[in-house]
Amino acid sequence: MSAAAIPGPVEKRRVPRHRALLAGKLATEEASLTIDCVIRNLSASGALVETTSPHLIPNELHLLQVRDGVAWDARVIWRRGNKVGLELGDRHDLKDVTERSLLALRRVWTHMAAR
């Protein structure tokens, strides 16, 4: 059997993810707990993040992407070692956010972006 005939892995995602290497932060509601992470891949509906503290991550949280100043509502789908798969919900532009519930995320982002 030639290498061309060997089937590859089956893609189960609805939207393909794109490789990334982005600074991120995982945050609980009101940003009472924040955890540094690296965003390894990203799509409109999901992300793979790596962190040194996966055991601290709650099932419902926010994912902040520092470079573009955006945050998503997120839900943990799976955990393997230091990697966590997230389902992404609503996207929030932290540059223009006025919703009271997201102001803590904006403060976290502005602090990170100032570094």
PDB file of N, CA and C in Angstrom:
ATOM      1  N   MET A   1       0.844  -1.171   0.000  1.00  0.00           N
ATOM      2  CA  MET A   1       0.000   0.000   0.000  1.00  0.00           C
ATOM      3  C   MET A   1       0.892   1.238   0.000  1.00  0.00           C
ATOM      4  N   SER A   2       0.652   2.158  -0.901  1.00  0.00           N
ATOM      5  CA  SER A   2       1.472   3.367  -0.986  1.00  0.00           C
ATOM      6  C   SER A   2       1.036   4.378   0.064  1.00  0.00           C
ATOM      7  N   ALA A   3       1.929   5.320   0.350  1.00  0.00           N
ATOM      8  CA  ALA A   3       1.625   6.345   1.356  1.00  0.00           C
ATOM      9  C   ALA A   3       0.427   7.188   0.931  1.00  0.00           C
ATOM     10  N   ALA A   4       0.217   7.359  -0.357  1.00  0.00           N
ATOM     11  CA  ALA A   4      -0.903   8.173  -0.837  1.00  0.00           C
ATOM     12  C   ALA A   4      -2.248   7.507  -0.556  1.00  0.00           C
ATOM     13  N   ALA A   5      -2.255   6.197  -0.379  1.00  0.00           N
ATOM     14  CA  ALA A   5      -3.504   5.474  -0.159  1.00  0.00           C
ATOM     15  C   ALA A   5      -3.901   5.413   1.315  1.00  0.00           C
ATOM     16  N   ILE A   6      -3.012   5.840   2.207  1.00  0.00           N
ATOM     17  CA  ILE A   6      -3.309   5.784   3.635  1.00  0.00           C
ATOM     18  C   ILE A   6      -4.166   6.994   3.995  1.00  0.00           C
ATOM     19  N   PRO A   7      -5.354   6.749   4.519  1.00  0.00           N
ATOM     20  CA  PRO A   7      -6.215   7.883   4.864  1.00  0.00           C
ATOM     21  C   PRO A   7      -5.661   8.652   6.053  1.00  0.00           C
ATOM     22  N   GLY A   8      -5.859   9.961   6.046  1.00  0.00           N
ATOM     23  CA  GLY A   8      -5.426  10.821   7.141  1.00  0.00           C
ATOM     24  C   GLY A   8      -6.473  10.845   8.230  1.00  0.00           C
ATOM     25  N   PRO A   9      -6.221  11.612   9.277  1.00  0.00           N
ATOM     26  CA  PRO A   9      -7.191  11.713  10.362  1.00  0.00           C
ATOM     27  C   PRO A   9      -8.483  12.362   9.867  1.00  0.00           C
ATOM     28  N   VAL A  10      -9.578  11.953  10.457  1.00  0.00           N
ATOM     29  CA  VAL A  10     -10.876  12.493  10.087  1.00  0.00           C
ATOM     30  C   VAL A  10     -11.102  13.802  10.846  1.00  0.00           C
ATOM     31  N   GLU A  11     -11.416  14.861  10.120  1.00  0.00           N
ATOM     32  CA  GLU A  11     -11.683  16.170  10.724  1.00  0.00           C
ATOM     33  C   GLU A  11     -13.104  16.167  11.259  1.00  0.00           C
ATOM     34  N   LYS A  12     -13.263  16.356  12.574  1.00  0.00           N
ATOM     35  CA  LYS A  12     -14.574  16.345  13.212  1.00  0.00           C
ATOM     36  C   LYS A  12     -15.112  17.746  13.456  1.00  0.00           C
ATOM     37  N   ARG A  13     -14.276  18.755  13.309  1.00  0.00           N
ATOM     38  CA  ARG A  13     -14.700  20.126  13.579  1.00  0.00           C
ATOM     39  C   ARG A  13     -15.604  20.644  12.466  1.00  0.00           C
ATOM     40  N   ARG A  14     -16.585  21.470  12.859  1.00  0.00           N
ATOM     41  CA  ARG A  14     -17.472  22.096  11.872  1.00  0.00           C
ATOM     42  C   ARG A  14     -16.731  23.141  11.060  1.00  0.00           C
ATOM     43  N   VAL A  15     -15.809  23.850  11.694  1.00  0.00           N
ATOM     44  CA  VAL A  15     -15.030  24.901  11.041  1.00  0.00           C
ATOM     45  C   VAL A  15     -13.558  24.566  11.262  1.00  0.00           C
ATOM     46  N   PRO A  16     -12.751  24.479  10.192  1.00  0.00           N
ATOM     47  CA  PRO A  16     -11.334  24.157  10.388  1.00  0.00           C
ATOM     48  C   PRO A  16     -10.618  25.221  11.204  1.00  0.00           C
ATOM     49  N   ARG A  17      -9.706  24.782  12.040  1.00  0.00           N
ATOM     50  CA  ARG A  17      -8.915  25.717  12.842  1.00  0.00           C
ATOM     51  C   ARG A  17      -7.624  26.036  12.104  1.00  0.00           C
ATOM     52  N   HIS A  18      -7.085  27.212  12.408  1.00  0.00           N
ATOM     53  CA  HIS A  18      -5.837  27.656  11.807  1.00  0.00           C
ATOM     54  C   HIS A  18      -4.771  27.721  12.886  1.00  0.00           C
ATOM     55  N   ARG A  19      -3.572  27.258  12.534  1.00  0.00           N
ATOM     56  CA  ARG A  19      -2.475  27.304  13.496  1.00  0.00           C
ATOM     57  C   ARG A  19      -2.228  28.730  13.948  1.00  0.00           C
ATOM     58  N   ALA A  20      -1.856  28.841  15.201  1.00  0.00           N
ATOM     59  CA  ALA A  20      -1.592  30.157  15.769  1.00  0.00           C
ATOM     60  C   ALA A  20      -0.522  30.020  16.843  1.00  0.00           C
ATOM     61  N   LEU A  21       0.073  31.104  17.182  1.00  0.00           N
ATOM     62  CA  LEU A  21       0.990  31.190  18.315  1.00  0.00           C
ATOM     63  C   LEU A  21       0.768  32.570  18.916  1.00  0.00           C
ATOM     64  N   LEU A  22      -0.307  32.672  19.715  1.00  0.00           N
ATOM     65  CA  LEU A  22      -0.760  33.954  20.224  1.00  0.00           C
ATOM     66  C   LEU A  22      -0.790  33.961  21.749  1.00  0.00           C
ATOM     67  N   ALA A  23      -0.416  35.096  22.326  1.00  0.00           N
ATOM     68  CA  ALA A  23      -0.513  35.261  23.777  1.00  0.00           C
ATOM     69  C   ALA A  23      -1.984  35.359  24.145  1.00  0.00           C
ATOM     70  N   GLY A  24      -2.362  34.650  25.184  1.00  0.00           N
ATOM     71  CA  GLY A  24      -3.744  34.675  25.614  1.00  0.00           C
ATOM     72  C   GLY A  24      -3.861  34.676  27.118  1.00  0.00           C
ATOM     73  N   LYS A  25      -5.066  34.846  27.553  1.00  0.00           N
ATOM     74  CA  LYS A  25      -5.371  34.815  28.981  1.00  0.00           C
ATOM     75  C   LYS A  25      -6.742  34.188  29.115  1.00  0.00           C
ATOM     76  N   LEU A  26      -6.867  33.254  30.036  1.00  0.00           N
ATOM     77  CA  LEU A  26      -8.148  32.656  30.379  1.00  0.00           C
ATOM     78  C   LEU A  26      -8.644  33.370  31.624  1.00  0.00           C
ATOM     79  N   ALA A  27      -9.905  33.749  31.627  1.00  0.00           N
ATOM     80  CA  ALA A  27     -10.428  34.528  32.751  1.00  0.00           C
ATOM     81  C   ALA A  27     -11.825  34.060  33.122  1.00  0.00           C
ATOM     82  N   THR A  28     -12.069  34.027  34.416  1.00  0.00           N
ATOM     83  CA  THR A  28     -13.409  33.714  34.911  1.00  0.00           C
ATOM     84  C   THR A  28     -14.282  34.953  34.787  1.00  0.00           C
ATOM     85  N   GLU A  29     -15.554  34.785  35.077  1.00  0.00           N
ATOM     86  CA  GLU A  29     -16.478  35.917  35.087  1.00  0.00           C
ATOM     87  C   GLU A  29     -15.938  36.980  36.033  1.00  0.00           C
ATOM     88  N   GLU A  30     -16.014  38.222  35.645  1.00  0.00           N
ATOM     89  CA  GLU A  30     -15.489  39.357  36.417  1.00  0.00           C
ATOM     90  C   GLU A  30     -13.968  39.289  36.597  1.00  0.00           C
ATOM     91  N   ALA A  31     -13.294  38.378  35.892  1.00  0.00           N
ATOM     92  CA  ALA A  31     -11.832  38.248  35.917  1.00  0.00           C
ATOM     93  C   ALA A  31     -11.278  38.066  37.329  1.00  0.00           C
ATOM     94  N   SER A  32     -12.020  37.356  38.177  1.00  0.00           N
ATOM     95  CA  SER A  32     -11.535  37.095  39.533  1.00  0.00           C
ATOM     96  C   SER A  32     -10.363  36.111  39.529  1.00  0.00           C
ATOM     97  N   LEU A  33     -10.243  35.319  38.475  1.00  0.00           N
ATOM     98  CA  LEU A  33      -9.112  34.416  38.280  1.00  0.00           C
ATOM     99  C   LEU A  33      -8.680  34.542  36.834  1.00  0.00           C
ATOM    100  N   THR A  34      -7.377  34.763  36.606  1.00  0.00           N
ATOM    101  CA  THR A  34      -6.842  34.800  35.246  1.00  0.00           C
ATOM    102  C   THR A  34      -5.662  33.850  35.155  1.00  0.00           C
ATOM    103  N   ILE A  35      -5.529  33.214  34.004  1.00  0.00           N
ATOM    104  CA  ILE A  35      -4.481  32.223  33.785  1.00  0.00           C
ATOM    105  C   ILE A  35      -3.852  32.504  32.426  1.00  0.00           C
ATOM    106  N   ASP A  36      -2.527  32.650  32.391  1.00  0.00           N
ATOM    107  CA  ASP A  36      -1.820  32.837  31.126  1.00  0.00           C
ATOM    108  C   ASP A  36      -1.941  31.584  30.277  1.00  0.00           C
ATOM    109  N   CYS A  37      -2.030  31.780  28.956  1.00  0.00           N
ATOM    110  CA  CYS A  37      -2.069  30.640  28.045  1.00  0.00           C
ATOM    111  C   CYS A  37      -1.467  31.041  26.704  1.00  0.00           C
ATOM    112  N   VAL A  38      -1.205  30.042  25.897  1.00  0.00           N
ATOM    113  CA  VAL A  38      -0.791  30.233  24.516  1.00  0.00           C
ATOM    114  C   VAL A  38      -1.893  29.655  23.653  1.00  0.00           C
ATOM    115  N   ILE A  39      -2.389  30.450  22.712  1.00  0.00           N
ATOM    116  CA  ILE A  39      -3.408  29.969  21.775  1.00  0.00           C
ATOM    117  C   ILE A  39      -2.667  29.297  20.631  1.00  0.00           C
ATOM    118  N   ARG A  40      -2.845  27.976  20.490  1.00  0.00           N
ATOM    119  CA  ARG A  40      -2.131  27.183  19.483  1.00  0.00           C
ATOM    120  C   ARG A  40      -2.885  27.065  18.165  1.00  0.00           C
ATOM    121  N   ASN A  41      -4.214  27.035  18.220  1.00  0.00           N
ATOM    122  CA  ASN A  41      -4.990  27.106  16.990  1.00  0.00           C
ATOM    123  C   ASN A  41      -6.328  27.737  17.303  1.00  0.00           C
ATOM    124  N   LEU A  42      -6.956  28.268  16.246  1.00  0.00           N
ATOM    125  CA  LEU A  42      -8.118  29.113  16.462  1.00  0.00           C
ATOM    126  C   LEU A  42      -9.020  29.086  15.242  1.00  0.00           C
ATOM    127  N   SER A  43     -10.327  29.072  15.492  1.00  0.00           N
ATOM    128  CA  SER A  43     -11.331  29.234  14.434  1.00  0.00           C
ATOM    129  C   SER A  43     -12.453  30.083  15.010  1.00  0.00           C
ATOM    130  N   ALA A  44     -13.467  30.322  14.218  1.00  0.00           N
ATOM    131  CA  ALA A  44     -14.608  31.107  14.701  1.00  0.00           C
ATOM    132  C   ALA A  44     -15.361  30.380  15.807  1.00  0.00           C
ATOM    133  N   SER A  45     -15.223  29.059  15.883  1.00  0.00           N
ATOM    134  CA  SER A  45     -16.015  28.310  16.867  1.00  0.00           C
ATOM    135  C   SER A  45     -15.203  27.558  17.915  1.00  0.00           C
ATOM    136  N   GLY A  46     -13.862  27.591  17.823  1.00  0.00           N
ATOM    137  CA  GLY A  46     -13.090  26.837  18.801  1.00  0.00           C
ATOM    138  C   GLY A  46     -11.632  27.234  18.845  1.00  0.00           C
ATOM    139  N   ALA A  47     -10.950  26.761  19.883  1.00  0.00           N
ATOM    140  CA  ALA A  47      -9.534  27.057  20.061  1.00  0.00           C
ATOM    141  C   ALA A  47      -8.865  25.943  20.857  1.00  0.00           C
ATOM    142  N   LEU A  48      -7.580  25.800  20.634  1.00  0.00           N
ATOM    143  CA  LEU A  48      -6.733  24.925  21.440  1.00  0.00           C
ATOM    144  C   LEU A  48      -5.764  25.835  22.173  1.00  0.00           C
ATOM    145  N   VAL A  49      -5.742  25.729  23.497  1.00  0.00           N
ATOM    146  CA  VAL A  49      -4.824  26.534  24.298  1.00  0.00           C
ATOM    147  C   VAL A  49      -3.933  25.618  25.120  1.00  0.00           C
ATOM    148  N   GLU A  50      -2.745  26.120  25.432  1.00  0.00           N
ATOM    149  CA  GLU A  50      -1.822  25.437  26.335  1.00  0.00           C
ATOM    150  C   GLU A  50      -1.582  26.340  27.525  1.00  0.00           C
ATOM    151  N   THR A  51      -1.517  25.724  28.697  1.00  0.00           N
ATOM    152  CA  THR A  51      -1.273  26.476  29.920  1.00  0.00           C
ATOM    153  C   THR A  51      -0.545  25.585  30.920  1.00  0.00           C
ATOM    154  N   THR A  52       0.157  26.199  31.844  1.00  0.00           N
ATOM    155  CA  THR A  52       0.832  25.428  32.885  1.00  0.00           C
ATOM    156  C   THR A  52      -0.117  25.093  34.029  1.00  0.00           C
ATOM    157  N   SER A  53      -1.330  25.658  33.997  1.00  0.00           N
ATOM    158  CA  SER A  53      -2.292  25.438  35.088  1.00  0.00           C
ATOM    159  C   SER A  53      -3.651  24.942  34.581  1.00  0.00           C
ATOM    160  N   PRO A  54      -3.693  23.861  33.815  1.00  0.00           N
ATOM    161  CA  PRO A  54      -4.980  23.421  33.271  1.00  0.00           C
ATOM    162  C   PRO A  54      -5.972  22.984  34.350  1.00  0.00           C
ATOM    163  N   HIS A  55      -5.460  22.543  35.480  1.00  0.00           N
ATOM    164  CA  HIS A  55      -6.323  22.072  36.567  1.00  0.00           C
ATOM    165  C   HIS A  55      -7.119  23.204  37.215  1.00  0.00           C
ATOM    166  N   LEU A  56      -6.707  24.456  37.009  1.00  0.00           N
ATOM    167  CA  LEU A  56      -7.401  25.602  37.596  1.00  0.00           C
ATOM    168  C   LEU A  56      -8.518  26.153  36.711  1.00  0.00           C
ATOM    169  N   ILE A  57      -8.590  25.696  35.478  1.00  0.00           N
ATOM    170  CA  ILE A  57      -9.527  26.264  34.517  1.00  0.00           C
ATOM    171  C   ILE A  57     -10.939  25.752  34.769  1.00  0.00           C
ATOM    172  N   PRO A  58     -11.888  26.671  34.991  1.00  0.00           N
ATOM    173  CA  PRO A  58     -13.287  26.246  35.159  1.00  0.00           C
ATOM    174  C   PRO A  58     -13.892  25.869  33.799  1.00  0.00           C
ATOM    175  N   ASN A  59     -15.029  25.212  33.819  1.00  0.00           N
ATOM    176  CA  ASN A  59     -15.659  24.780  32.565  1.00  0.00           C
ATOM    177  C   ASN A  59     -16.209  25.938  31.737  1.00  0.00           C
ATOM    178  N   GLU A  60     -16.623  27.010  32.382  1.00  0.00           N
ATOM    179  CA  GLU A  60     -17.140  28.201  31.696  1.00  0.00           C
ATOM    180  C   GLU A  60     -16.188  29.350  31.982  1.00  0.00           C
ATOM    181  N   LEU A  61     -15.729  30.067  30.950  1.00  0.00           N
ATOM    182  CA  LEU A  61     -14.742  31.107  31.130  1.00  0.00           C
ATOM    183  C   LEU A  61     -14.715  32.027  29.921  1.00  0.00           C
ATOM    184  N   HIS A  62     -13.720  32.897  29.868  1.00  0.00           N
ATOM    185  CA  HIS A  62     -13.474  33.765  28.720  1.00  0.00           C
ATOM    186  C   HIS A  62     -12.054  33.516  28.241  1.00  0.00           C
ATOM    187  N   LEU A  63     -11.866  33.587  26.921  1.00  0.00           N
ATOM    188  CA  LEU A  63     -10.540  33.533  26.321  1.00  0.00           C
ATOM    189  C   LEU A  63     -10.230  34.914  25.769  1.00  0.00           C
ATOM    190  N   LEU A  64      -9.126  35.519  26.232  1.00  0.00           N
ATOM    191  CA  LEU A  64      -8.686  36.817  25.736  1.00  0.00           C
ATOM    192  C   LEU A  64      -7.507  36.612  24.804  1.00  0.00           C
ATOM    193  N   GLN A  65      -7.553  37.277  23.667  1.00  0.00           N
ATOM    194  CA  GLN A  65      -6.434  37.269  22.731  1.00  0.00           C
ATOM    195  C   GLN A  65      -5.840  38.665  22.765  1.00  0.00           C
ATOM    196  N   VAL A  66      -4.601  38.766  23.229  1.00  0.00           N
ATOM    197  CA  VAL A  66      -3.988  40.047  23.556  1.00  0.00           C
ATOM    198  C   VAL A  66      -3.754  40.918  22.322  1.00  0.00           C
ATOM    199  N   ARG A  67      -3.159  40.367  21.280  1.00  0.00           N
ATOM    200  CA  ARG A  67      -2.757  41.172  20.119  1.00  0.00           C
ATOM    201  C   ARG A  67      -3.911  41.973  19.527  1.00  0.00           C
ATOM    202  N   ASP A  68      -5.062  41.334  19.333  1.00  0.00           N
ATOM    203  CA  ASP A  68      -6.192  41.993  18.682  1.00  0.00           C
ATOM    204  C   ASP A  68      -7.194  42.590  19.664  1.00  0.00           C
ATOM    205  N   GLY A  69      -6.994  42.356  20.957  1.00  0.00           N
ATOM    206  CA  GLY A  69      -7.897  42.923  21.955  1.00  0.00           C
ATOM    207  C   GLY A  69      -9.309  42.376  21.857  1.00  0.00           C
ATOM    208  N   VAL A  70      -9.412  41.061  21.709  1.00  0.00           N
ATOM    209  CA  VAL A  70     -10.729  40.432  21.646  1.00  0.00           C
ATOM    210  C   VAL A  70     -10.852  39.367  22.729  1.00  0.00           C
ATOM    211  N   ALA A  71     -12.087  39.088  23.084  1.00  0.00           N
ATOM    212  CA  ALA A  71     -12.373  38.035  24.061  1.00  0.00           C
ATOM    213  C   ALA A  71     -13.573  37.251  23.562  1.00  0.00           C
ATOM    214  N   TRP A  72     -13.609  35.985  23.900  1.00  0.00           N
ATOM    215  CA  TRP A  72     -14.732  35.124  23.564  1.00  0.00           C
ATOM    216  C   TRP A  72     -15.293  34.511  24.837  1.00  0.00           C
ATOM    217  N   ASP A  73     -16.593  34.303  24.871  1.00  0.00           N
ATOM    218  CA  ASP A  73     -17.175  33.415  25.872  1.00  0.00           C
ATOM    219  C   ASP A  73     -16.712  32.026  25.467  1.00  0.00           C
ATOM    220  N   ALA A  74     -16.313  31.203  26.410  1.00  0.00           N
ATOM    221  CA  ALA A  74     -15.757  29.895  26.061  1.00  0.00           C
ATOM    222  C   ALA A  74     -16.238  28.830  27.039  1.00  0.00           C
ATOM    223  N   ARG A  75     -16.201  27.606  26.526  1.00  0.00           N
ATOM    224  CA  ARG A  75     -16.576  26.447  27.327  1.00  0.00           C
ATOM    225  C   ARG A  75     -15.562  25.347  27.060  1.00  0.00           C
ATOM    226  N   VAL A  76     -15.058  24.709  28.114  1.00  0.00           N
ATOM    227  CA  VAL A  76     -14.086  23.621  27.973  1.00  0.00           C
ATOM    228  C   VAL A  76     -14.794  22.403  27.389  1.00  0.00           C
ATOM    229  N   ILE A  77     -14.214  21.864  26.318  1.00  0.00           N
ATOM    230  CA  ILE A  77     -14.737  20.660  25.671  1.00  0.00           C
ATOM    231  C   ILE A  77     -13.921  19.435  26.083  1.00  0.00           C
ATOM    232  N   TRP A  78     -12.606  19.597  26.174  1.00  0.00           N
ATOM    233  CA  TRP A  78     -11.733  18.499  26.587  1.00  0.00           C
ATOM    234  C   TRP A  78     -10.450  19.047  27.215  1.00  0.00           C
ATOM    235  N   ARG A  79      -9.768  18.166  27.963  1.00  0.00           N
ATOM    236  CA  ARG A  79      -8.483  18.477  28.603  1.00  0.00           C
ATOM    237  C   ARG A  79      -7.556  17.282  28.415  1.00  0.00           C
ATOM    238  N   ARG A  80      -6.325  17.553  28.004  1.00  0.00           N
ATOM    239  CA  ARG A  80      -5.299  16.510  27.879  1.00  0.00           C
ATOM    240  C   ARG A  80      -3.958  17.110  28.277  1.00  0.00           C
ATOM    241  N   GLY A  81      -3.474  16.719  29.445  1.00  0.00           N
ATOM    242  CA  GLY A  81      -2.216  17.283  29.932  1.00  0.00           C
ATOM    243  C   GLY A  81      -2.333  18.781  30.090  1.00  0.00           C
ATOM    244  N   ASN A  82      -1.419  19.523  29.430  1.00  0.00           N
ATOM    245  CA  ASN A  82      -1.447  20.983  29.536  1.00  0.00           C
ATOM    246  C   ASN A  82      -2.249  21.641  28.401  1.00  0.00           C
ATOM    247  N   LYS A  83      -2.941  20.847  27.591  1.00  0.00           N
ATOM    248  CA  LYS A  83      -3.743  21.359  26.478  1.00  0.00           C
ATOM    249  C   LYS A  83      -5.230  21.297  26.823  1.00  0.00           C
ATOM    250  N   VAL A  84      -5.947  22.328  26.373  1.00  0.00           N
ATOM    251  CA  VAL A  84      -7.381  22.423  26.643  1.00  0.00           C
ATOM    252  C   VAL A  84      -8.083  22.831  25.348  1.00  0.00           C
ATOM    253  N   GLY A  85      -9.123  22.076  24.975  1.00  0.00           N
ATOM    254  CA  GLY A  85      -9.933  22.417  23.817  1.00  0.00           C
ATOM    255  C   GLY A  85     -11.136  23.229  24.249  1.00  0.00           C
ATOM    256  N   LEU A  86     -11.347  24.362  23.562  1.00  0.00           N
ATOM    257  CA  LEU A  86     -12.434  25.267  23.936  1.00  0.00           C
ATOM    258  C   LEU A  86     -13.433  25.415  22.791  1.00  0.00           C
ATOM    259  N   GLU A  87     -14.697  25.461  23.143  1.00  0.00           N
ATOM    260  CA  GLU A  87     -15.740  25.868  22.209  1.00  0.00           C
ATOM    261  C   GLU A  87     -15.955  27.354  22.449  1.00  0.00           C
ATOM    262  N   LEU A  88     -15.900  28.143  21.379  1.00  0.00           N
ATOM    263  CA  LEU A  88     -16.027  29.582  21.516  1.00  0.00           C
ATOM    264  C   LEU A  88     -17.449  30.029  21.210  1.00  0.00           C
ATOM    265  N   GLY A  89     -17.914  30.975  22.016  1.00  0.00           N
ATOM    266  CA  GLY A  89     -19.232  31.563  21.825  1.00  0.00           C
ATOM    267  C   GLY A  89     -19.104  32.977  21.294  1.00  0.00           C
ATOM    268  N   ASP A  90     -19.815  33.892  21.909  1.00  0.00           N
ATOM    269  CA  ASP A  90     -19.822  35.286  21.458  1.00  0.00           C
ATOM    270  C   ASP A  90     -18.438  35.906  21.527  1.00  0.00           C
ATOM    271  N   ARG A  91     -18.129  36.711  20.512  1.00  0.00           N
ATOM    272  CA  ARG A  91     -16.856  37.432  20.411  1.00  0.00           C
ATOM    273  C   ARG A  91     -17.087  38.875  20.854  1.00  0.00           C
ATOM    274  N   HIS A  92     -16.147  39.409  21.641  1.00  0.00           N
ATOM    275  CA  HIS A  92     -16.261  40.767  22.170  1.00  0.00           C
ATOM    276  C   HIS A  92     -15.010  41.567  21.822  1.00  0.00           C
ATOM    277  N   ASP A  93     -15.182  42.735  21.239  1.00  0.00           N
ATOM    278  CA  ASP A  93     -14.067  43.633  20.947  1.00  0.00           C
ATOM    279  C   ASP A  93     -13.796  44.448  22.208  1.00  0.00           C
ATOM    280  N   LEU A  94     -12.682  44.204  22.851  1.00  0.00           N
ATOM    281  CA  LEU A  94     -12.389  44.853  24.134  1.00  0.00           C
ATOM    282  C   LEU A  94     -12.026  46.327  23.981  1.00  0.00           C
ATOM    283  N   LYS A  95     -11.725  46.767  22.777  1.00  0.00           N
ATOM    284  CA  LYS A  95     -11.420  48.182  22.552  1.00  0.00           C
ATOM    285  C   LYS A  95     -12.675  49.031  22.689  1.00  0.00           C
ATOM    286  N   ASP A  96     -13.823  48.459  22.359  1.00  0.00           N
ATOM    287  CA  ASP A  96     -15.081  49.207  22.330  1.00  0.00           C
ATOM    288  C   ASP A  96     -16.108  48.725  23.343  1.00  0.00           C
ATOM    289  N   VAL A  97     -15.737  47.844  24.242  1.00  0.00           N
ATOM    290  CA  VAL A  97     -16.706  47.240  25.148  1.00  0.00           C
ATOM    291  C   VAL A  97     -17.250  48.268  26.145  1.00  0.00           C
ATOM    292  N   THR A  98     -18.555  48.221  26.329  1.00  0.00           N
ATOM    293  CA  THR A  98     -19.196  49.093  27.316  1.00  0.00           C
ATOM    294  C   THR A  98     -20.062  48.288  28.281  1.00  0.00           C
ATOM    295  N   GLU A  99     -20.243  47.012  27.990  1.00  0.00           N
ATOM    296  CA  GLU A  99     -21.055  46.165  28.862  1.00  0.00           C
ATOM    297  C   GLU A  99     -20.370  46.021  30.215  1.00  0.00           C
ATOM    298  N   ARG A 100     -21.110  46.288  31.252  1.00  0.00           N
ATOM    299  CA  ARG A 100     -20.569  46.237  32.615  1.00  0.00           C
ATOM    300  C   ARG A 100     -19.906  44.892  32.916  1.00  0.00           C
ATOM    301  N   SER A 101     -20.511  43.805  32.454  1.00  0.00           N
ATOM    302  CA  SER A 101     -19.987  42.474  32.749  1.00  0.00           C
ATOM    303  C   SER A 101     -18.638  42.202  32.073  1.00  0.00           C
ATOM    304  N   LEU A 102     -18.270  43.006  31.071  1.00  0.00           N
ATOM    305  CA  LEU A 102     -17.011  42.790  30.362  1.00  0.00           C
ATOM    306  C   LEU A 102     -15.925  43.809  30.698  1.00  0.00           C
ATOM    307  N   LEU A 103     -16.237  44.781  31.525  1.00  0.00           N
ATOM    308  CA  LEU A 103     -15.252  45.815  31.850  1.00  0.00           C
ATOM    309  C   LEU A 103     -14.031  45.253  32.575  1.00  0.00           C
ATOM    310  N   ALA A 104     -14.210  44.230  33.393  1.00  0.00           N
ATOM    311  CA  ALA A 104     -13.059  43.606  34.072  1.00  0.00           C
ATOM    312  C   ALA A 104     -12.128  42.959  33.049  1.00  0.00           C
ATOM    313  N   LEU A 105     -12.687  42.349  32.001  1.00  0.00           N
ATOM    314  CA  LEU A 105     -11.862  41.758  30.943  1.00  0.00           C
ATOM    315  C   LEU A 105     -11.090  42.846  30.205  1.00  0.00           C
ATOM    316  N   ARG A 106     -11.747  43.977  29.976  1.00  0.00           N
ATOM    317  CA  ARG A 106     -11.067  45.095  29.309  1.00  0.00           C
ATOM    318  C   ARG A 106      -9.880  45.569  30.140  1.00  0.00           C
ATOM    319  N   ARG A 107     -10.043  45.654  31.462  1.00  0.00           N
ATOM    320  CA  ARG A 107      -8.938  46.078  32.329  1.00  0.00           C
ATOM    321  C   ARG A 107      -7.780  45.081  32.257  1.00  0.00           C
ATOM    322  N   VAL A 108      -8.077  43.794  32.256  1.00  0.00           N
ATOM    323  CA  VAL A 108      -7.027  42.773  32.142  1.00  0.00           C
ATOM    324  C   VAL A 108      -6.293  42.950  30.817  1.00  0.00           C
ATOM    325  N   TRP A 109      -7.045  43.126  29.746  1.00  0.00           N
ATOM    326  CA  TRP A 109      -6.430  43.285  28.430  1.00  0.00           C
ATOM    327  C   TRP A 109      -5.563  44.547  28.353  1.00  0.00           C
ATOM    328  N   THR A 110      -6.050  45.677  28.839  1.00  0.00           N
ATOM    329  CA  THR A 110      -5.260  46.912  28.757  1.00  0.00           C
ATOM    330  C   THR A 110      -3.975  46.787  29.571  1.00  0.00           C
ATOM    331  N   HIS A 111      -4.029  46.078  30.684  1.00  0.00           N
ATOM    332  CA  HIS A 111      -2.818  45.847  31.485  1.00  0.00           C
ATOM    333  C   HIS A 111      -1.824  44.980  30.708  1.00  0.00           C
ATOM    334  N   MET A 112      -2.323  43.938  30.048  1.00  0.00           N
ATOM    335  CA  MET A 112      -1.435  43.044  29.279  1.00  0.00           C
ATOM    336  C   MET A 112      -0.872  43.750  28.054  1.00  0.00           C
ATOM    337  N   ALA A 113      -1.697  44.528  27.370  1.00  0.00           N
ATOM    338  CA  ALA A 113      -1.267  45.207  26.141  1.00  0.00           C
ATOM    339  C   ALA A 113      -0.234  46.291  26.432  1.00  0.00           C
ATOM    340  N   ALA A 114      -0.230  46.817  27.637  1.00  0.00           N
ATOM    341  CA  ALA A 114       0.711  47.884  28.003  1.00  0.00           C
ATOM    342  C   ALA A 114       2.125  47.351  28.231  1.00  0.00           C
ATOM    343  N   ARG A 115       2.264  46.059  28.405  1.00  0.00           N
ATOM    344  CA  ARG A 115       3.594  45.472  28.684  1.00  0.00           C
ATOM    345  C   ARG A 115       4.516  45.595  27.508  1.00  0.00           C
TER     346      ARG A 115
END
